[in-house]
Protein backbone atom coordinates (compact mmCIF):
# COMPACT_ATOMS: atom_id res chain seq x y z
CA MET A 1 -3.92 16.87 -21.52
CA ASN A 2 -1.74 19.75 -20.27
CA ASN A 3 -4.49 20.92 -17.91
CA LYS A 4 -4.86 17.42 -16.46
CA LEU A 5 -1.11 17.11 -15.95
CA PHE A 6 -0.97 20.52 -14.28
CA HIS A 7 -3.80 19.49 -11.95
CA LYS A 8 -2.04 16.21 -11.06
CA ILE A 9 1.27 17.98 -10.37
CA ARG A 10 -0.49 20.57 -8.20
CA GLU A 11 -2.03 17.73 -6.16
CA ALA A 12 1.40 16.12 -5.87
CA VAL A 13 2.92 19.37 -4.56
CA PHE A 14 0.42 19.49 -1.70
CA SER A 15 1.12 15.79 -1.00
CA VAL A 16 4.94 15.98 -0.87
CA LEU A 17 5.41 19.49 0.56
CA PRO A 18 4.38 18.67 4.19
CA LEU A 19 6.84 15.77 4.37
CA TYR A 20 9.64 17.88 2.87
CA LEU A 21 8.96 20.75 5.27
CA LEU A 22 9.00 18.40 8.26
CA VAL A 23 12.46 17.10 7.33
CA LEU A 24 13.62 20.68 6.68
CA VAL A 25 12.38 21.87 10.09
CA LEU A 26 13.98 18.91 11.87
CA ASN A 27 17.25 19.75 10.15
CA LEU A 28 17.08 23.27 11.64
CA THR A 29 16.87 21.86 15.17
CA PRO A 30 19.71 20.37 17.26
CA LEU A 31 18.04 16.95 16.91
CA VAL A 32 19.28 16.23 13.37
CA SER A 33 22.14 17.55 11.30
CA PHE A 34 22.19 16.83 7.57
CA SER A 35 25.02 18.10 5.41
CA ALA A 36 24.40 20.74 2.76
CA ARG A 37 25.00 18.10 0.09
CA GLU A 38 22.40 15.77 1.59
CA MET A 39 19.78 18.53 1.79
CA VAL A 40 20.42 19.63 -1.81
CA VAL A 41 20.03 16.06 -3.05
CA PHE A 42 16.92 15.59 -0.91
CA SER A 43 15.40 18.85 -2.23
CA VAL A 44 16.04 17.91 -5.86
CA CYS A 45 14.59 14.45 -5.25
CA ALA A 46 11.50 16.01 -3.64
CA LEU A 47 10.91 18.02 -6.84
CA LEU A 48 11.37 14.87 -8.90
CA LEU A 49 8.98 13.07 -6.58
CA VAL A 50 6.30 15.68 -7.35
CA LEU A 51 6.83 15.26 -11.09
CA GLY A 52 6.82 11.46 -10.80
CA ILE A 53 3.56 11.34 -8.83
CA GLY A 54 1.90 13.74 -11.29
CA LEU A 55 2.92 11.71 -14.34
CA PHE A 56 1.99 8.43 -12.67
CA SER A 57 -1.47 9.68 -11.64
CA LEU A 58 -2.20 10.88 -15.16
CA GLY A 59 -0.99 7.57 -16.60
CA ALA A 60 -3.14 5.61 -14.15
CA ASP A 61 -6.23 7.54 -15.30
CA LEU A 62 -5.43 7.05 -18.99
CA ALA A 63 -4.13 3.47 -19.00
CA MET A 64 -3.95 1.44 -15.79
CA THR A 65 -7.55 1.86 -14.64
CA PRO A 66 -9.15 1.45 -18.11
CA MET A 67 -6.98 -1.62 -18.78
CA GLY A 68 -8.11 -3.31 -15.58
CA GLU A 69 -11.78 -2.49 -16.16
CA HIS A 70 -11.71 -3.71 -19.78
CA VAL A 71 -9.95 -6.96 -18.86
CA GLY A 72 -12.28 -7.66 -15.93
CA ALA A 73 -15.46 -6.91 -17.86
CA GLY A 74 -14.30 -8.52 -21.12
CA LEU A 75 -13.15 -11.80 -19.59
CA THR A 76 -16.27 -12.09 -17.45
CA LYS A 77 -18.51 -11.63 -20.49
CA SER A 78 -16.55 -13.68 -23.03
CA ALA A 79 -14.85 -16.47 -21.12
CA SER A 80 -15.79 -19.35 -18.87
CA LEU A 81 -15.18 -19.09 -15.14
CA GLY A 82 -12.31 -21.58 -15.36
CA LEU A 83 -10.47 -19.54 -17.99
CA LEU A 84 -11.12 -16.33 -16.03
CA LEU A 85 -9.51 -17.87 -12.94
CA VAL A 86 -6.49 -19.20 -14.87
CA VAL A 87 -5.89 -15.81 -16.48
CA CYS A 88 -6.25 -14.01 -13.14
CA PHE A 89 -3.74 -16.36 -11.51
CA ALA A 90 -1.22 -15.73 -14.29
CA LEU A 91 -1.90 -12.01 -14.05
CA GLY A 92 -1.35 -11.99 -10.28
CA VAL A 93 1.98 -13.81 -10.59
CA LEU A 94 3.26 -11.70 -13.49
CA ILE A 95 2.55 -8.23 -12.14
CA THR A 96 3.75 -9.16 -8.64
CA VAL A 97 7.04 -10.66 -9.79
CA ALA A 98 7.72 -7.45 -11.70
CA GLU A 99 6.48 -5.07 -8.95
CA PRO A 100 9.36 -2.62 -8.17
CA ASP A 101 8.08 -2.10 -4.62
CA LEU A 102 8.60 -5.79 -3.79
CA THR A 103 12.11 -5.70 -5.25
CA VAL A 104 13.02 -2.94 -2.76
CA LEU A 105 12.07 -5.18 0.18
CA ALA A 106 13.68 -8.30 -1.31
CA ASN A 107 17.01 -6.50 -1.77
CA GLN A 108 16.95 -5.29 1.85
CA VAL A 109 16.62 -8.87 3.19
CA SER A 110 18.87 -10.60 0.65
CA SER A 111 21.21 -11.86 3.39
CA VAL A 112 18.32 -13.77 4.98
CA ILE A 113 16.26 -15.13 2.06
CA ASN A 114 17.18 -15.45 -1.61
CA PRO A 115 15.49 -12.43 -3.30
CA THR A 116 14.36 -14.40 -6.38
CA LEU A 117 12.82 -17.14 -4.24
CA LEU A 118 11.06 -14.53 -2.09
CA ILE A 119 9.62 -12.69 -5.12
CA VAL A 120 8.38 -15.87 -6.79
CA ALA A 121 6.77 -17.11 -3.56
CA VAL A 122 5.00 -13.78 -3.11
CA GLY A 123 3.83 -13.86 -6.75
CA VAL A 124 2.27 -17.29 -6.30
CA GLY A 125 0.61 -16.10 -3.09
CA VAL A 126 -0.93 -13.12 -4.91
CA GLY A 127 -2.08 -15.34 -7.79
CA VAL A 128 -3.84 -17.82 -5.49
CA PHE A 129 -5.59 -15.14 -3.44
CA LEU A 130 -6.55 -13.20 -6.57
CA ILE A 131 -8.46 -16.31 -7.63
CA ILE A 132 -10.18 -16.34 -4.25
CA GLY A 133 -11.02 -12.65 -4.70
CA VAL A 134 -12.56 -13.23 -8.13
CA LEU A 135 -14.65 -16.10 -6.75
CA LYS A 136 -15.76 -13.75 -3.95
CA ILE A 137 -17.06 -11.27 -6.53
CA VAL A 138 -18.72 -13.88 -8.76
CA PHE A 139 -20.53 -15.66 -5.90
CA SER A 140 -20.97 -12.50 -3.73
CA VAL A 141 -19.24 -13.99 -0.67
CA PRO A 142 -18.92 -11.55 2.26
CA LEU A 143 -15.39 -10.19 2.46
CA SER A 144 -15.36 -10.33 6.28
CA GLU A 145 -15.77 -14.11 6.27
CA LEU A 146 -12.90 -14.66 3.81
CA LEU A 147 -10.61 -12.29 5.68
CA SER A 148 -11.42 -13.90 9.04
CA PHE A 149 -10.50 -17.33 7.71
CA SER A 150 -7.36 -16.01 5.95
CA TYR A 151 -5.95 -14.26 9.00
CA LEU A 152 -6.84 -17.16 11.28
CA LEU A 153 -4.73 -19.33 8.98
CA LEU A 154 -1.93 -16.72 9.00
CA PHE A 155 -1.75 -16.61 12.78
CA CYS A 156 -1.76 -20.40 13.01
CA VAL A 157 1.33 -20.46 10.78
CA ALA A 158 2.84 -17.59 12.83
CA ALA A 159 2.31 -19.61 16.03
CA LEU A 160 4.14 -22.54 14.41
CA ILE A 161 7.05 -20.24 13.50
CA VAL A 162 7.26 -18.89 17.06
CA GLU A 163 7.22 -22.42 18.45
CA ARG A 164 10.18 -23.30 16.23
CA GLY A 165 12.07 -20.21 17.41
CA GLY A 166 11.88 -18.35 14.09
CA ASP A 167 9.98 -15.31 15.35
CA ALA A 168 12.65 -13.03 13.87
CA PHE A 169 11.05 -13.67 10.46
CA LEU A 170 7.51 -12.71 11.49
CA ALA A 171 7.88 -8.96 10.93
CA MET A 172 9.45 -9.45 7.51
CA GLY A 173 6.68 -11.88 6.51
CA PHE A 174 3.92 -9.43 7.39
CA ASP A 175 5.84 -6.64 5.64
CA ALA A 176 5.63 -8.64 2.41
CA GLY A 177 1.85 -8.26 2.33
CA GLY A 178 2.12 -4.49 2.46
CA VAL A 179 4.79 -3.94 -0.17
CA THR A 180 3.26 -6.34 -2.70
CA THR A 181 0.35 -4.02 -3.42
CA GLY A 182 2.53 -1.37 -5.04
CA PRO A 183 1.99 1.39 -7.60
CA ILE A 184 1.61 -0.96 -10.59
CA THR A 185 -0.44 -3.66 -8.89
CA VAL A 186 -2.99 -1.43 -7.13
CA PRO A 187 -4.57 0.52 -10.05
CA PHE A 188 -4.83 -2.54 -12.28
CA ILE A 189 -6.19 -5.00 -9.70
CA MET A 190 -8.66 -2.46 -8.29
CA ALA A 191 -9.95 -1.72 -11.79
CA LEU A 192 -10.08 -5.45 -12.53
CA GLY A 193 -12.41 -5.87 -9.55
CA VAL A 194 -14.59 -2.99 -10.76
CA GLY A 195 -14.83 -4.52 -14.25
CA ILE A 196 -15.80 -7.97 -12.97
CA ALA A 197 -18.28 -6.62 -10.39
CA SER A 198 -19.99 -4.30 -12.88
CA THR A 199 -20.40 -7.18 -15.34
CA VAL A 200 -21.68 -9.67 -12.77
CA GLY A 201 -23.99 -6.97 -11.41
CA GLY A 202 -26.30 -7.48 -8.46
CA LYS A 203 -27.35 -5.27 -5.58
CA ARG A 204 -23.84 -5.24 -4.11
CA ALA A 205 -21.85 -4.50 -7.26
CA GLY A 206 -20.30 -1.38 -5.71
CA GLU A 207 -19.32 -3.20 -2.53
CA ASN A 208 -17.92 -6.18 -4.49
CA SER A 209 -15.70 -3.82 -6.48
CA PHE A 210 -13.43 -3.56 -3.43
CA GLY A 211 -11.63 -6.31 -1.56
CA LEU A 212 -9.21 -7.70 -4.14
CA ILE A 213 -6.31 -5.66 -2.76
CA ALA A 214 -7.11 -6.86 0.76
CA LEU A 215 -7.02 -10.53 -0.27
CA CYS A 216 -3.94 -10.02 -2.43
CA SER A 217 -2.18 -8.64 0.66
CA ALA A 218 -2.93 -11.78 2.70
CA GLY A 219 -1.51 -14.19 0.11
CA PRO A 220 2.09 -12.91 0.21
CA ILE A 221 2.13 -12.96 4.02
CA LEU A 222 1.17 -16.63 4.05
CA ALA A 223 3.70 -17.45 1.31
CA VAL A 224 6.60 -15.71 3.09
CA LEU A 225 5.71 -17.16 6.50
CA VAL A 226 5.73 -20.67 5.03
CA LEU A 227 8.99 -19.89 3.22
CA SER A 228 10.57 -18.59 6.44
CA LEU A 229 10.11 -22.02 8.03
CA PHE A 230 12.95 -23.16 5.78
CA ALA A 231 14.98 -19.92 5.68
CA LYS A 232 18.61 -19.85 6.66
CA GLY A 233 20.78 -16.76 6.71
CA ASN A 234 22.43 -14.04 8.70
CA ILE A 235 19.61 -13.04 11.05
CA GLU A 236 21.98 -11.43 13.58
CA ASN A 237 23.12 -8.63 11.28
CA PRO A 238 21.00 -8.66 8.10
CA VAL A 239 21.73 -5.08 6.99
CA SER A 240 24.75 -2.84 6.68
CA PRO A 241 24.81 0.95 7.24
CA GLU A 242 26.69 1.28 3.94
CA ASP A 243 23.56 0.07 2.13
CA TYR A 244 21.74 3.26 3.21
CA ALA A 245 24.53 5.82 2.90
CA MET A 246 24.30 8.49 0.22
CA ALA A 247 26.70 7.58 -2.57
CA GLY A 248 30.05 9.34 -2.75
CA ASP A 249 30.03 9.49 -6.55
CA LEU A 250 26.50 10.79 -6.82
CA LEU A 251 26.48 11.20 -10.61
CA PHE A 252 27.53 7.61 -11.28
CA SER A 253 25.19 6.30 -8.58
CA SER A 254 22.24 8.26 -10.00
CA PHE A 255 22.75 6.91 -13.51
CA SER A 256 23.16 3.39 -12.14
CA THR A 257 19.97 3.67 -10.08
CA LEU A 258 18.07 5.25 -12.95
CA GLY A 259 19.13 2.42 -15.28
CA SER A 260 18.16 -0.39 -12.91
CA VAL A 261 14.83 1.23 -12.01
CA ALA A 262 14.06 1.92 -15.69
CA TRP A 263 14.61 -1.76 -16.49
CA GLU A 264 12.51 -3.01 -13.54
CA VAL A 265 9.59 -0.72 -14.42
CA PHE A 266 9.90 -1.58 -18.12
CA LEU A 267 9.70 -5.27 -17.25
CA ALA A 268 6.66 -4.71 -15.02
CA LEU A 269 4.71 -2.57 -17.47
CA GLY A 270 5.87 -4.63 -20.45
CA LEU A 271 4.46 -7.84 -18.97
CA LEU A 272 1.21 -6.08 -18.13
CA LEU A 273 0.85 -4.52 -21.58
CA CYS A 274 1.63 -7.81 -23.33
CA PHE A 275 -1.01 -9.51 -21.22
CA PHE A 276 -3.55 -6.78 -22.00
CA PHE A 277 -2.95 -6.86 -25.76
CA VAL A 278 -3.23 -10.66 -25.86
CA VAL A 279 -6.56 -10.49 -24.01
CA ASN A 280 -7.68 -7.66 -26.30
CA PHE A 281 -6.77 -9.65 -29.43
CA VAL A 282 -8.64 -12.76 -28.24
CA PHE A 283 -11.63 -11.30 -26.35
CA LEU A 284 -11.99 -7.52 -26.15
CA LYS A 285 -11.45 -6.24 -29.73
CA LEU A 286 -11.17 -2.62 -28.57
CA PRO A 287 -10.98 0.14 -31.21
CA ARG A 288 -7.60 1.58 -32.13
CA ARG A 289 -8.38 4.89 -30.45
CA ARG A 290 -8.71 3.14 -27.07
CA LEU A 291 -5.48 1.21 -27.63
CA TRP A 292 -3.56 4.39 -28.45
CA GLN A 293 -4.91 5.97 -25.28
CA VAL A 294 -3.66 2.97 -23.29
CA LEU A 295 -0.19 3.23 -24.87
CA ILE A 296 0.03 6.98 -24.19
CA GLY A 297 -1.12 6.44 -20.62
CA ALA A 298 1.41 3.61 -20.17
CA ALA A 299 4.17 5.97 -21.33
CA PHE A 300 3.14 8.54 -18.68
CA THR A 301 2.96 5.77 -16.07
CA TYR A 302 6.41 4.51 -17.03
CA ALA A 303 8.03 7.94 -16.90
CA GLY A 304 6.33 8.76 -13.59
CA LEU A 305 7.34 5.52 -11.89
CA VAL A 306 10.96 5.70 -13.07
CA ILE A 307 11.29 9.28 -11.79
CA PHE A 308 9.46 8.52 -8.53
CA LEU A 309 11.34 5.32 -7.63
CA SER A 310 14.74 6.76 -8.62
CA ALA A 311 14.19 9.89 -6.52
CA VAL A 312 13.10 7.81 -3.53
CA SER A 313 16.11 5.50 -3.81
CA ILE A 314 18.70 8.26 -4.32
CA GLY A 315 17.50 10.93 -1.92
CA PHE A 316 14.84 9.62 0.45
CA MET A 317 16.30 6.27 1.56
CA PRO A 318 19.60 7.74 2.94
CA ILE A 319 17.75 10.64 4.61
CA GLY A 320 15.23 8.29 6.20
CA TYR A 321 17.97 6.03 7.61
CA LYS A 322 20.01 8.93 9.02
CA LEU A 323 16.90 10.66 10.43
CA GLY A 324 15.81 7.56 12.35
CA GLY A 325 19.29 6.98 13.76
CA ALA A 326 19.77 10.61 14.81
CA LEU A 327 16.41 10.85 16.61
CA ALA A 328 16.93 7.53 18.40
CA ASP A 329 20.37 8.72 19.56
CA VAL A 330 18.94 11.91 21.06
CA ASN A 331 15.87 10.62 22.88
CA PRO A 332 13.29 7.82 22.38
CA TYR A 333 10.46 10.33 22.92
CA PHE A 334 11.68 12.47 20.04
CA LEU A 335 11.80 9.33 17.90
CA CYS A 336 8.18 8.48 18.76
CA GLY A 337 6.95 12.04 18.15
CA ALA A 338 8.72 12.35 14.80
CA ALA A 339 7.47 8.90 13.75
CA PHE A 340 3.88 9.98 14.40
CA LEU A 341 4.30 13.18 12.37
CA LEU A 342 5.99 11.29 9.52
CA GLY A 343 3.10 8.83 9.45
CA LEU A 344 0.57 11.65 9.21
CA LEU A 345 2.35 13.08 6.18
CA VAL A 346 4.00 10.23 4.30
CA VAL A 347 0.75 8.55 3.26
CA LEU A 348 -0.24 11.70 1.35
CA ALA A 349 2.74 11.21 -0.96
CA GLU A 350 1.96 7.58 -1.84
CA PRO A 351 0.91 7.62 -5.52
CA ALA A 352 -1.54 4.70 -5.30
CA VAL A 353 -3.44 6.39 -2.44
CA HIS A 354 -4.71 9.03 -4.87
CA VAL A 355 -5.86 6.31 -7.28
CA LEU A 356 -7.83 4.67 -4.46
CA LYS A 357 -9.30 8.00 -3.33
CA LYS A 358 -10.59 8.78 -6.82
CA GLN A 359 -12.07 5.33 -7.28
CA VAL A 360 -13.78 5.38 -3.87
CA GLU A 361 -15.40 8.75 -4.61
CA GLU A 362 -16.65 7.53 -8.00
CA ILE A 363 -18.05 4.18 -6.85
CA THR A 364 -19.70 5.54 -3.69
CA ASP A 365 -21.05 8.65 -5.50
CA GLY A 366 -19.34 10.85 -2.94
CA THR A 367 -20.84 9.02 0.08
CA VAL A 368 -17.29 8.34 1.23
CA SER A 369 -15.43 11.59 0.59
CA GLY A 370 -11.81 11.56 -0.43
CA ARG A 371 -10.97 14.11 2.26
CA SER A 372 -12.39 12.01 5.12
CA MET A 373 -10.67 8.92 3.77
CA LEU A 374 -7.30 10.68 3.56
CA LEU A 375 -7.74 11.99 7.11
CA ALA A 376 -8.51 8.49 8.41
CA LEU A 377 -5.52 7.08 6.51
CA SER A 378 -3.17 9.77 7.83
CA ILE A 379 -4.22 9.25 11.44
CA GLY A 380 -3.98 5.48 11.04
CA VAL A 381 -0.49 5.56 9.54
CA GLY A 382 0.66 8.11 12.14
CA ILE A 383 -0.46 5.80 14.94
CA SER A 384 1.19 2.82 13.24
CA LEU A 385 4.58 4.53 13.11
CA LEU A 386 4.24 5.70 16.70
CA LEU A 387 3.57 2.10 17.79
CA SER A 388 6.48 0.87 15.66
CA ALA A 389 8.82 3.37 17.33
CA LEU A 390 7.72 2.12 20.76
CA ARG A 391 8.48 -1.43 19.67
CA ILE A 392 11.98 -0.40 18.59
CA VAL A 393 12.62 1.26 21.96
CA PHE A 394 11.21 -1.50 24.17
CA ASP A 395 12.02 -4.53 21.94
CA PHE A 396 8.95 -6.83 21.91
CA SER A 397 7.28 -9.07 19.37
CA ILE A 398 5.12 -7.58 16.63
CA LEU A 399 2.45 -10.15 17.47
CA TYR A 400 1.51 -8.02 20.50
CA TYR A 401 0.22 -5.50 17.94
CA LEU A 402 -0.92 -7.71 15.08
CA ILE A 403 -3.14 -10.15 16.98
CA PRO A 404 -5.29 -7.58 18.85
CA GLY A 405 -5.18 -5.25 15.83
CA TYR A 406 -6.59 -7.82 13.42
CA VAL A 407 -9.06 -9.13 16.00
CA LEU A 408 -10.39 -5.57 16.40
CA SER A 409 -10.46 -4.84 12.67
CA LEU A 410 -12.15 -8.14 11.81
CA GLY A 411 -14.58 -7.66 14.68
CA LEU A 412 -15.54 -4.22 13.39
CA SER A 413 -16.24 -5.75 9.98
CA PHE A 414 -19.36 -7.41 11.40
CA PHE A 415 -20.81 -4.09 12.64
CA VAL A 416 -20.04 -1.54 9.91
CA PRO A 417 -21.41 -1.40 6.35
CA ARG A 418 -19.63 -3.89 4.11
CA MET A 419 -18.55 -1.10 1.78
CA TYR A 420 -16.47 0.49 4.54
CA THR A 421 -14.89 -2.88 5.42
CA ALA A 422 -13.87 -3.50 1.81
CA ILE A 423 -12.48 0.04 1.41
CA ALA A 424 -10.62 -0.21 4.74
CA PHE A 425 -8.86 -3.48 3.95
CA ASP A 426 -7.94 -2.23 0.47
CA SER A 427 -6.61 1.00 2.00
CA GLY A 428 -4.25 -0.95 4.24
CA GLY A 429 -2.50 -2.46 1.24
CA VAL A 430 -2.46 0.81 -0.69
CA ALA A 431 -1.05 2.92 2.18
CA SER A 432 2.05 0.74 2.46
CA GLY A 433 3.53 1.76 -0.90
CA PRO A 434 7.02 2.51 -2.25
CA LEU A 435 7.60 5.57 -0.08
CA THR A 436 6.92 3.44 3.01
CA SER A 437 9.40 0.75 1.98
CA SER A 438 12.01 3.25 0.78
CA PHE A 439 11.75 5.98 3.44
CA ILE A 440 9.87 4.74 6.51
CA LEU A 441 11.49 1.28 6.56
CA PRO A 442 15.04 2.78 6.41
CA PHE A 443 13.91 5.25 9.11
CA ALA A 444 12.98 2.31 11.37
CA ILE A 445 16.16 0.40 10.51
CA GLY A 446 18.30 3.47 11.27
CA ALA A 447 16.58 3.81 14.66
CA CYS A 448 17.21 0.11 15.38
CA MET A 449 20.89 0.43 14.52
CA ALA A 450 21.16 3.41 16.89
CA VAL A 451 19.47 1.54 19.73
CA ASP A 452 21.39 -1.70 19.05
CA PRO A 453 24.56 -1.02 16.98
CA SER A 454 25.22 -4.77 16.65
CA GLY A 455 22.19 -5.03 14.34
CA GLY A 456 20.79 -8.02 16.21
CA SER A 457 17.33 -6.48 16.61
CA VAL A 458 16.92 -5.14 13.07
CA LEU A 459 15.09 -8.11 11.59
CA ARG A 460 12.81 -8.40 14.64
CA ASP A 461 12.11 -4.70 15.39
CA GLY A 462 13.10 -2.67 12.31
CA PHE A 463 11.05 -4.72 9.91
CA GLY A 464 7.33 -4.86 10.63
CA VAL A 465 6.76 -1.14 10.16
CA VAL A 466 5.22 -1.79 6.72
CA ALA A 467 2.89 -4.35 8.31
CA MET A 468 1.82 -1.79 10.90
CA VAL A 469 1.17 0.80 8.17
CA ALA A 470 -1.06 -1.77 6.47
CA LEU A 471 -2.90 -2.60 9.73
CA THR A 472 -4.04 0.65 11.35
CA PRO A 473 -6.06 2.03 8.38
CA LEU A 474 -8.25 -1.07 8.67
CA ILE A 475 -9.36 0.20 12.07
CA THR A 476 -9.55 3.95 11.43
CA ILE A 477 -11.56 3.72 8.20
CA GLN A 478 -13.97 1.18 9.70
CA LEU A 479 -14.40 3.53 12.65
CA LEU A 480 -15.32 6.14 10.03
CA GLY A 481 -18.02 3.74 8.84
CA PHE A 482 -19.11 3.05 12.42
CA ARG A 483 -19.52 6.78 12.95
CA ALA A 484 -21.61 7.00 9.77
CA VAL A 485 -23.89 4.21 11.07
CA LEU A 486 -24.35 5.94 14.44
CA SER A 487 -25.02 9.31 12.75
CA ARG A 488 -27.69 7.76 10.53
CA ARG A 489 -29.41 6.10 13.50
CA VAL A 490 -29.38 9.36 15.47
CA ARG A 491 -30.96 11.19 12.51
CA GLU A 492 -33.62 8.48 12.15
CA LYS A 493 -34.48 8.73 15.86
CA LEU A 494 -34.78 12.52 15.63
CA VAL A 495 -37.11 12.27 12.63
CA LEU A 496 -39.21 9.63 14.40
CA ARG A 497 -39.40 11.76 17.57
CA ARG A 498 -40.54 14.78 15.56
CA MET A 499 -43.24 12.72 13.90
CA LEU A 500 -44.50 11.31 17.22
CA THR A 501 -44.52 14.67 19.00
CA ALA A 502 -45.96 16.69 16.10
CA SER A 503 -49.34 18.39 16.63
CA ASP A 504 -52.28 18.00 14.27
CA ALA A 505 -51.68 21.50 12.93
CA GLN A 506 -48.06 20.66 12.08
CA ILE A 507 -49.12 17.46 10.30
CA ILE A 508 -51.76 19.33 8.28
CA GLU A 509 -49.20 22.01 7.41
CA PHE A 510 -46.74 19.33 6.36
């Protein structure tokens, strides 16, 4: 156990260190000036971030992934399809309502939409689309067809919102899809898909294991867009700089944050564990040794998430907000360059990304390497933040990115292997995790407030960065698959040419 934890923490160090060093280097330039107090707090929180990611990753291996696989396989074997769908809907609602990542976004838009109403709507959206995802696995429906229909429906609703003059809510609606698939939701739902697909079997069991995260990201977007048709609130100045300032009484603020985060994570994991033990009592009947392993893993997951989310809220959110504002004040080009570098590095520190990487390597037997996937994700997220910075500077609708982006990504899905499409669309939801909503989103909001101090453009231009982080990996990872297809065809042509041009002596020797 100690060796595994040491290995996870070492991985976390290499994930967080580049981001920390980038902020440190920027602080040594005339572009940004953080106080000594801010840098000390940020440094301590970076260390806590490493510890939190390490504990969470170990807990995901011991508890979250096995729980999802057991529930998926057990319900598929023991229950009727109707009961499986009802349980999956309840599961989708419960774990989404308690997802800490979603709470972060809801609190940042509380002046526009009631946070409780937003969270419940998103939970129902996840539950409905989780049902669709399970049906996709059971009946082996191509993911590209479901996604094409889903996003066509999304853009129809978006067009209706624009026609009614509510385009300020579009960016926030698409952000909801990214933040919903957070650190608790991702490992469990991904493993649930693996369990169901392995039980159903078939030639495409590996391919069918992916795709649930992609569909569960579309549901919240649709729910929030529909909800925004009836939203009323302060859209001219939805945020206040005081919300992102580092607390004056840091000790009291830290204990307050730690307490609220501990309760939110306890609620999330508690609901999930209760659900698992009920399913185990009725269907699975797992031995006590497995149950103890789940409980120990859940304890590691709980400790890791509390440390991670507290560190992000205390140290990373204020730094992100101030960094975005300072760079936008100096020069828009510096803002765009820093945004690209942040995107390259921040995805490496998302805890759920490492869960996805491990699962991809296992299911594809190393065909899709974790290193190539991380590289594609980093480039994709870097480009997404660069494009988001340009939108902040030039102030235009996010639809100018989303419509061609999704058309391209869905178009690629018809030309690349289905496995790459499923992995790509899952990666989009995984990449937009808690560090994105608690560091990159404040970074974008700080830049917006510097460009427009009145705050009138925040809802339109500041939000939407999470949606962009969820979009670009769909393209970059599918391009990775497209390259694999081309490489295979080139190799086949070379082999065929050698065979056709070979002499009789070479054939006899062969």
